[in-house]
Amino acid sequence: MAIRTGVWGIGNVGRPAVRAVVSHGELELVAVMVSSPEKDGQDAGGLVGLDPLGVLATRDVGQALAAGLDVVAYTASGDMRPVEAMADLERLLRAGVDVVSTSFYPLLHPELCPEEVRTSIESACREGNASIFVSGMDPGWVMDVLPILLSGVVADIREIRMQELFNYALYHQPEAVRDLAGFGQPMEATPPMLLDFGLQMVWGPMLRLIAEALGESLDAVETVVEKRALERDVEVPGMGHFAEGTQGAFRFEVRGMVDGTARIVAEHVTRIDDACAPEWPYPPEGQGAHRVLLDANPHLELSLHADDHFETGAAAGGNGTAAARMVNAIPAVSAAAAGILTPLDLPSPTGQGQTRWRKAT
């Protein structure tokens, strides 16, 4: 029997999530939840670039729950509305609906989650006999399951480094680019994305998961941030004017430390203008890439770039893989025991369900 699936939010990750659900042979899309009045009542297919699906988007969560949901892919923002998002999550879990998501960073690693949040979510999981699996940023699989997989084909590992190298002029979310990442803000400002607290919360758990998978533990997680100013005015289509002298690029490292040495590192180099900070690394080609580098024997470097068939921009491919990662985890999450799940609780991700190579009989 197909797993009755809903998608909550159809932004940059939600749209490919809907498409991934529709193409999955073990899932059935039965509900799509939106916040915009303009999208309310529209066929979900038209909202994500597909033919009509017969599923109408709704702002009425109760109506969606009445559709008999087994699981929800929750992609609505948790950055700008953390209290509301957590309330949404608890409502789903207490109703007996499993959740996969990219939105709830505190739940990436249960042991690192604030006790009050963890206790509340675990209570909701018990009440509804439901599970929550959160896949992280950049996208999450590049920061956890991929380096874990690659560690199995090398020897004498000295450092594992995961990189995101991107131009955010191609990231179609102006509020996040300006307010969260800080592009166009004064150089003395520290945007939320670059606060030590945020770096620790979003990327620290994934470093610890990698260490655990390798039978290690980290002594500490440290952060380092650098910023560069724009040396010219920049106009970005859809996002407007970014003034010379404001923040034009940043570079950070979140470092998992063992005996005073960085052993697992998440690194970001992010620009709004390719001419800014020319001394920092660039993608091997194009304007965006994710990379995993293992200082080991042999030395291993893997660079990834994904092109989405439906969306434009360098970030779209990454969003599509983030969406597919969590959607493809749904069967395993549905079969798992109730509670907060991590990648170490689930089998390695595969595309089972996404191959419809034989004609239906």
Protein backbone atom coordinates (compact mmCIF):
# COMPACT_ATOMS: atom_id res chain seq x y z
CA MET A 1 0.00 0.00 0.00
CA ALA A 2 1.34 3.43 -0.92
CA ILE A 3 2.44 5.75 1.87
CA ARG A 4 0.02 8.69 1.96
CA THR A 5 2.28 11.73 1.81
CA GLY A 6 1.82 15.47 2.20
CA VAL A 7 4.19 18.36 1.51
CA TRP A 8 4.02 21.43 3.75
CA GLY A 9 5.43 24.47 1.97
CA ILE A 10 6.24 24.76 -1.73
CA GLY A 11 9.21 27.12 -1.78
CA ASN A 12 12.69 26.33 -3.09
CA VAL A 13 12.77 22.89 -1.43
CA GLY A 14 9.05 22.21 -1.32
CA ARG A 15 8.55 22.35 -5.09
CA PRO A 16 11.12 19.62 -5.84
CA ALA A 17 9.79 17.70 -2.83
CA VAL A 18 6.34 17.55 -4.44
CA ARG A 19 7.88 16.36 -7.70
CA ALA A 20 9.96 13.73 -5.87
CA VAL A 21 6.87 12.40 -4.09
CA VAL A 22 4.93 12.18 -7.36
CA SER A 23 7.74 10.23 -9.08
CA HIS A 24 8.22 7.80 -6.15
CA GLY A 25 6.57 4.45 -6.71
CA GLU A 26 5.90 3.79 -3.00
CA LEU A 27 4.38 7.20 -2.18
CA GLU A 28 1.05 8.84 -2.93
CA LEU A 29 0.69 12.63 -2.79
CA VAL A 30 -2.55 13.38 -0.97
CA ALA A 31 -2.06 16.90 0.43
CA VAL A 32 -0.06 20.08 -0.16
CA MET A 33 -0.11 22.86 2.45
CA VAL A 34 0.69 26.46 1.61
CA SER A 35 0.64 29.83 3.39
CA SER A 36 -0.13 32.09 0.42
CA PRO A 37 -3.77 33.00 -0.32
CA GLU A 38 -2.85 33.14 -4.01
CA LYS A 39 -1.87 29.44 -3.98
CA ASP A 40 -4.78 28.27 -1.85
CA GLY A 41 -7.11 26.08 -3.89
CA GLN A 42 -4.80 25.74 -6.89
CA ASP A 43 -3.82 22.35 -8.28
CA ALA A 44 -0.45 21.40 -6.81
CA GLY A 45 0.84 20.22 -10.18
CA GLY A 46 0.56 23.67 -11.71
CA LEU A 47 2.38 25.20 -8.74
CA VAL A 48 5.45 22.99 -9.21
CA GLY A 49 5.69 22.76 -12.99
CA LEU A 50 3.79 19.50 -13.48
CA ASP A 51 0.53 18.60 -15.18
CA PRO A 52 -2.55 18.76 -12.92
CA LEU A 53 -2.36 16.21 -10.12
CA GLY A 54 -5.86 16.43 -8.70
CA VAL A 55 -4.47 17.57 -5.34
CA LEU A 56 -5.43 21.11 -4.38
CA ALA A 57 -3.11 23.22 -2.26
CA THR A 58 -4.68 24.35 1.00
CA ARG A 59 -4.00 26.68 3.91
CA ASP A 60 -6.28 24.54 6.09
CA VAL A 61 -3.98 22.13 7.96
CA GLY A 62 -6.97 20.38 9.50
CA GLN A 63 -8.30 19.63 6.04
CA ALA A 64 -4.94 18.19 5.04
CA LEU A 65 -4.80 15.99 8.14
CA ALA A 66 -8.29 14.76 7.35
CA ALA A 67 -6.90 13.33 4.10
CA GLY A 68 -5.39 10.52 6.18
CA LEU A 69 -1.72 11.44 6.06
CA ASP A 70 0.97 8.92 6.95
CA VAL A 71 3.90 11.32 6.56
CA VAL A 72 4.62 14.96 5.77
CA ALA A 73 7.68 16.45 4.09
CA TYR A 74 7.90 19.72 6.02
CA THR A 75 9.80 22.35 4.02
CA ALA A 76 8.27 25.57 5.35
CA SER A 77 10.83 27.97 6.78
CA GLY A 78 12.03 27.37 10.31
CA ASP A 79 14.60 30.19 10.20
CA MET A 80 12.23 33.14 10.29
CA ARG A 81 9.43 31.49 12.30
CA PRO A 82 11.02 28.93 14.65
CA VAL A 83 8.24 28.94 17.27
CA GLU A 84 5.48 28.49 14.72
CA ALA A 85 7.43 25.78 12.88
CA MET A 86 7.97 23.78 16.07
CA ALA A 87 4.27 24.08 16.84
CA ASP A 88 3.49 22.73 13.36
CA LEU A 89 5.85 19.82 13.95
CA GLU A 90 4.33 18.90 17.30
CA ARG A 91 0.84 19.03 15.82
CA LEU A 92 1.80 16.56 13.10
CA LEU A 93 3.61 14.16 15.42
CA ARG A 94 0.83 14.13 18.02
CA ALA A 95 -1.62 13.37 15.21
CA GLY A 96 0.43 10.26 14.36
CA VAL A 97 2.04 11.69 11.22
CA ASP A 98 5.73 10.95 10.57
CA VAL A 99 7.77 13.94 9.42
CA VAL A 100 10.83 14.38 7.21
CA SER A 101 12.23 17.87 7.02
CA THR A 102 15.06 20.27 6.25
CA SER A 103 13.77 22.90 8.68
CA PHE A 104 14.46 21.82 12.27
CA TYR A 105 18.21 22.18 12.87
CA PRO A 106 18.03 21.59 16.65
CA LEU A 107 16.83 18.05 15.91
CA LEU A 108 19.78 17.10 13.67
CA HIS A 109 21.39 15.39 16.67
CA PRO A 110 19.08 14.59 19.61
CA GLU A 111 21.87 14.68 22.20
CA LEU A 112 22.77 18.23 21.19
CA CYS A 113 19.20 19.47 21.10
CA PRO A 114 18.12 21.88 23.88
CA GLU A 115 16.54 19.73 26.57
CA GLU A 116 13.22 21.59 26.57
CA VAL A 117 12.81 21.16 22.82
CA ARG A 118 13.92 17.53 22.83
CA THR A 119 11.60 16.61 25.70
CA SER A 120 8.62 18.23 23.99
CA ILE A 121 9.27 16.57 20.63
CA GLU A 122 9.95 13.16 22.18
CA SER A 123 6.66 13.45 24.06
CA ALA A 124 4.84 14.26 20.81
CA CYS A 125 6.50 11.26 19.11
CA ARG A 126 5.39 8.93 21.91
CA GLU A 127 1.85 10.29 21.92
CA GLY A 128 1.43 9.85 18.17
CA ASN A 129 3.75 6.84 17.73
CA ALA A 130 5.50 8.93 15.09
CA SER A 131 9.04 9.76 13.97
CA ILE A 132 10.88 12.87 12.82
CA PHE A 133 13.95 12.80 10.55
CA VAL A 134 15.78 16.04 9.77
CA SER A 135 18.27 16.28 6.93
CA GLY A 136 20.59 19.25 7.20
CA MET A 137 21.94 22.10 5.09
CA ASP A 138 24.18 22.41 2.01
CA PRO A 139 22.39 19.98 1.35
CA GLY A 140 22.48 17.73 4.39
CA TRP A 141 23.60 14.55 2.62
CA VAL A 142 26.82 16.27 1.49
CA MET A 143 27.54 17.05 5.14
CA ASP A 144 26.84 13.62 6.62
CA VAL A 145 26.11 10.47 4.59
CA LEU A 146 28.37 11.33 1.65
CA PRO A 147 31.59 11.89 3.65
CA ILE A 148 30.75 8.81 5.72
CA LEU A 149 30.43 6.77 2.50
CA LEU A 150 33.66 8.18 1.04
CA SER A 151 35.56 7.46 4.25
CA GLY A 152 35.07 3.78 3.47
CA VAL A 153 37.20 3.88 0.31
CA VAL A 154 40.36 5.53 1.73
CA ALA A 155 42.90 4.82 4.45
CA ASP A 156 44.82 6.88 7.03
CA ILE A 157 42.26 9.70 7.24
CA ARG A 158 43.72 12.96 8.52
CA GLU A 159 40.96 15.45 7.66
CA ILE A 160 37.49 15.40 6.16
CA ARG A 161 36.37 18.71 4.65
CA MET A 162 32.96 19.54 3.17
CA GLN A 163 32.63 22.72 1.12
CA GLU A 164 29.83 24.81 -0.28
CA LEU A 165 31.12 27.29 -2.89
CA PHE A 166 28.24 29.40 -4.19
CA ASN A 167 27.14 32.71 -5.61
CA TYR A 168 23.94 33.60 -3.76
CA ALA A 169 22.83 35.96 -6.52
CA LEU A 170 21.37 32.76 -7.97
CA TYR A 171 19.52 31.81 -4.78
CA HIS A 172 15.94 32.88 -5.35
CA GLN A 173 15.04 33.85 -1.80
CA PRO A 174 15.76 37.59 -1.31
CA GLU A 175 14.79 37.66 2.37
CA ALA A 176 17.27 34.91 3.22
CA VAL A 177 20.03 36.45 1.08
CA ARG A 178 19.74 39.90 2.67
CA ASP A 179 18.47 39.26 6.21
CA LEU A 180 19.77 35.79 7.03
CA ALA A 181 23.07 35.75 5.12
CA GLY A 182 23.65 39.51 5.41
CA PHE A 183 24.53 40.45 1.84
CA GLY A 184 24.20 44.19 1.38
CA GLN A 185 24.39 44.84 5.12
CA PRO A 186 27.07 47.06 6.72
CA MET A 187 30.35 45.26 7.31
CA GLU A 188 30.09 45.76 11.08
CA ALA A 189 26.77 43.88 11.18
CA THR A 190 26.71 40.18 12.04
CA PRO A 191 23.81 38.47 10.26
CA PRO A 192 22.11 35.47 11.88
CA MET A 193 23.81 32.99 9.56
CA LEU A 194 27.26 34.02 10.81
CA LEU A 195 26.56 34.04 14.54
CA ASP A 196 28.56 31.44 16.44
CA PHE A 197 25.34 30.10 17.94
CA GLY A 198 23.82 29.54 14.49
CA LEU A 199 26.94 27.95 13.03
CA GLN A 200 27.17 25.59 15.98
CA MET A 201 23.47 24.68 15.79
CA VAL A 202 23.27 24.10 12.03
CA TRP A 203 26.63 22.54 11.16
CA GLY A 204 28.03 21.26 14.47
CA PRO A 205 25.63 18.29 14.73
CA MET A 206 26.59 16.96 11.32
CA LEU A 207 30.29 17.04 12.21
CA ARG A 208 29.54 15.04 15.34
CA LEU A 209 27.48 12.51 13.37
CA ILE A 210 30.42 11.91 11.02
CA ALA A 211 32.76 11.46 13.97
CA GLU A 212 30.38 8.95 15.57
CA ALA A 213 30.10 6.99 12.33
CA LEU A 214 33.91 6.70 12.35
CA GLY A 215 34.02 5.58 15.97
CA GLU A 216 35.47 8.91 17.11
CA SER A 217 34.34 11.79 19.30
CA LEU A 218 35.08 15.49 19.01
CA ASP A 219 36.66 17.46 21.84
CA ALA A 220 35.07 20.71 20.65
CA VAL A 221 33.48 22.46 17.69
CA GLU A 222 35.02 25.83 16.82
CA THR A 223 33.98 28.49 14.30
CA VAL A 224 35.95 30.98 12.22
CA VAL A 225 34.31 33.72 10.10
CA GLU A 226 35.77 36.15 7.54
CA LYS A 227 33.91 38.79 5.50
CA ARG A 228 34.76 40.91 2.47
CA ALA A 229 33.16 44.14 1.23
CA LEU A 230 31.88 44.73 -2.28
CA GLU A 231 34.33 46.79 -4.31
CA ARG A 232 31.58 47.96 -6.67
CA ASP A 233 27.83 48.41 -6.77
CA VAL A 234 25.99 45.29 -7.92
CA GLU A 235 22.51 44.86 -9.34
CA VAL A 236 21.00 41.40 -8.88
CA PRO A 237 17.88 40.51 -10.89
CA GLY A 238 14.97 39.92 -8.53
CA MET A 239 16.91 41.17 -5.49
CA GLY A 240 17.88 44.71 -6.42
CA HIS A 241 20.83 46.87 -5.46
CA PHE A 242 23.83 45.87 -3.35
CA ALA A 243 26.04 48.85 -2.55
CA GLU A 244 29.81 49.11 -2.71
CA GLY A 245 31.30 48.76 0.78
CA THR A 246 28.57 46.46 2.10
CA GLN A 247 29.00 42.74 2.71
CA GLY A 248 29.73 41.02 -0.58
CA ALA A 249 31.28 37.70 0.46
CA PHE A 250 31.84 35.60 3.55
CA ARG A 251 33.84 32.54 4.40
CA PHE A 252 33.35 30.42 7.47
CA GLU A 253 34.64 27.17 8.85
CA VAL A 254 32.96 25.02 11.46
CA ARG A 255 35.75 22.82 12.78
CA GLY A 256 35.46 19.53 14.66
CA MET A 257 38.51 19.43 16.90
CA VAL A 258 40.44 16.42 18.22
CA ASP A 259 43.52 17.02 20.39
CA GLY A 260 43.75 20.61 19.14
CA THR A 261 43.60 19.73 15.42
CA ALA A 262 40.69 20.28 13.04
CA ARG A 263 39.71 16.84 11.77
CA ILE A 264 36.21 17.39 10.32
CA VAL A 265 35.47 20.79 8.74
CA ALA A 266 32.38 22.33 7.13
CA GLU A 267 33.46 25.31 5.01
CA HIS A 268 31.37 27.91 3.20
CA VAL A 269 32.60 30.40 0.62
CA THR A 270 29.61 32.48 -0.41
CA ARG A 271 29.46 35.55 -2.64
CA ILE A 272 26.85 37.89 -4.06
CA ASP A 273 29.33 38.96 -6.78
CA ASP A 274 31.92 36.65 -8.33
CA ALA A 275 34.48 39.47 -8.37
CA CYS A 276 34.45 39.75 -4.57
CA ALA A 277 37.17 38.00 -2.52
CA PRO A 278 39.11 36.66 -5.51
CA GLU A 279 41.69 35.07 -3.17
CA TRP A 280 39.10 32.62 -1.81
CA PRO A 281 38.22 29.30 -3.49
CA TYR A 282 35.80 29.20 -6.43
CA PRO A 283 33.74 26.30 -7.76
CA PRO A 284 35.66 24.15 -10.27
CA GLU A 285 33.16 25.39 -12.87
CA GLY A 286 30.04 27.52 -12.97
CA GLN A 287 28.79 29.52 -10.00
CA GLY A 288 28.06 26.83 -7.48
CA ALA A 289 29.31 23.46 -6.27
CA HIS A 290 29.52 21.21 -3.26
CA ARG A 291 32.76 19.37 -2.57
CA VAL A 292 34.03 16.71 -0.20
CA LEU A 293 37.80 16.51 0.30
CA LEU A 294 39.50 13.73 2.25
CA ASP A 295 43.12 14.25 3.27
CA ALA A 296 43.85 10.53 3.32
CA ASN A 297 45.54 7.81 1.33
CA PRO A 298 44.70 8.23 -1.46
CA HIS A 299 43.80 11.91 -1.31
CA LEU A 300 40.21 12.14 -2.51
CA GLU A 301 38.27 15.11 -3.89
CA LEU A 302 34.70 14.91 -5.08
CA SER A 303 32.97 17.94 -6.63
CA LEU A 304 29.24 17.93 -7.24
CA HIS A 305 27.02 20.13 -9.33
CA ALA A 306 23.34 19.37 -9.89
CA ASP A 307 21.12 20.90 -12.60
CA ASP A 308 17.38 20.80 -11.96
CA HIS A 309 15.14 20.15 -14.98
CA PHE A 310 12.41 22.43 -13.64
CA GLU A 311 14.21 25.28 -11.81
CA THR A 312 16.92 27.73 -12.86
CA GLY A 313 20.02 28.88 -10.97
CA ALA A 314 22.98 27.14 -9.40
CA ALA A 315 21.18 26.62 -6.09
CA ALA A 316 18.23 24.81 -7.66
CA GLY A 317 20.08 21.53 -8.15
CA GLY A 318 21.21 21.49 -4.52
CA ASN A 319 17.65 22.20 -3.39
CA GLY A 320 16.43 19.35 -5.57
CA THR A 321 18.86 16.86 -4.05
CA ALA A 322 17.99 18.04 -0.53
CA ALA A 323 14.32 17.44 -1.30
CA ALA A 324 14.90 14.02 -2.88
CA ARG A 325 17.11 12.94 0.03
CA MET A 326 14.35 13.43 2.58
CA VAL A 327 11.55 12.16 0.32
CA ASN A 328 13.49 8.98 -0.51
CA ALA A 329 13.99 8.41 3.23
CA ILE A 330 10.22 8.28 3.83
CA PRO A 331 9.79 4.48 3.58
CA ALA A 332 12.62 3.91 6.08
CA VAL A 333 11.30 6.61 8.42
CA SER A 334 7.82 5.09 8.26
CA ALA A 335 9.24 1.69 9.19
CA ALA A 336 11.42 3.01 12.04
CA ALA A 337 10.56 3.12 15.72
CA ALA A 338 8.95 6.29 17.02
CA GLY A 339 11.28 9.12 17.99
CA ILE A 340 13.91 11.53 16.70
CA LEU A 341 15.95 9.86 13.95
CA THR A 342 19.38 10.70 12.51
CA PRO A 343 21.14 9.38 9.38
CA LEU A 344 22.86 6.82 11.60
CA ASP A 345 19.45 5.32 12.47
CA LEU A 346 18.50 4.80 8.82
CA PRO A 347 19.91 2.68 6.01
CA SER A 348 22.13 4.40 3.46
CA PRO A 349 19.93 6.36 1.06
CA THR A 350 19.13 4.86 -2.32
CA GLY A 351 16.82 5.72 -5.21
CA GLN A 352 14.56 2.73 -4.62
CA GLY A 353 11.10 3.81 -5.64
CA GLN A 354 12.38 6.40 -8.12
CA THR A 355 12.88 3.95 -10.99
CA ARG A 356 9.77 3.24 -13.02
CA TRP A 357 11.52 1.35 -15.79
CA ARG A 358 8.93 -1.36 -16.33
CA LYS A 359 5.44 -0.85 -17.65
CA ALA A 360 2.71 -1.36 -15.08
CA THR A 361 0.88 -4.66 -15.45
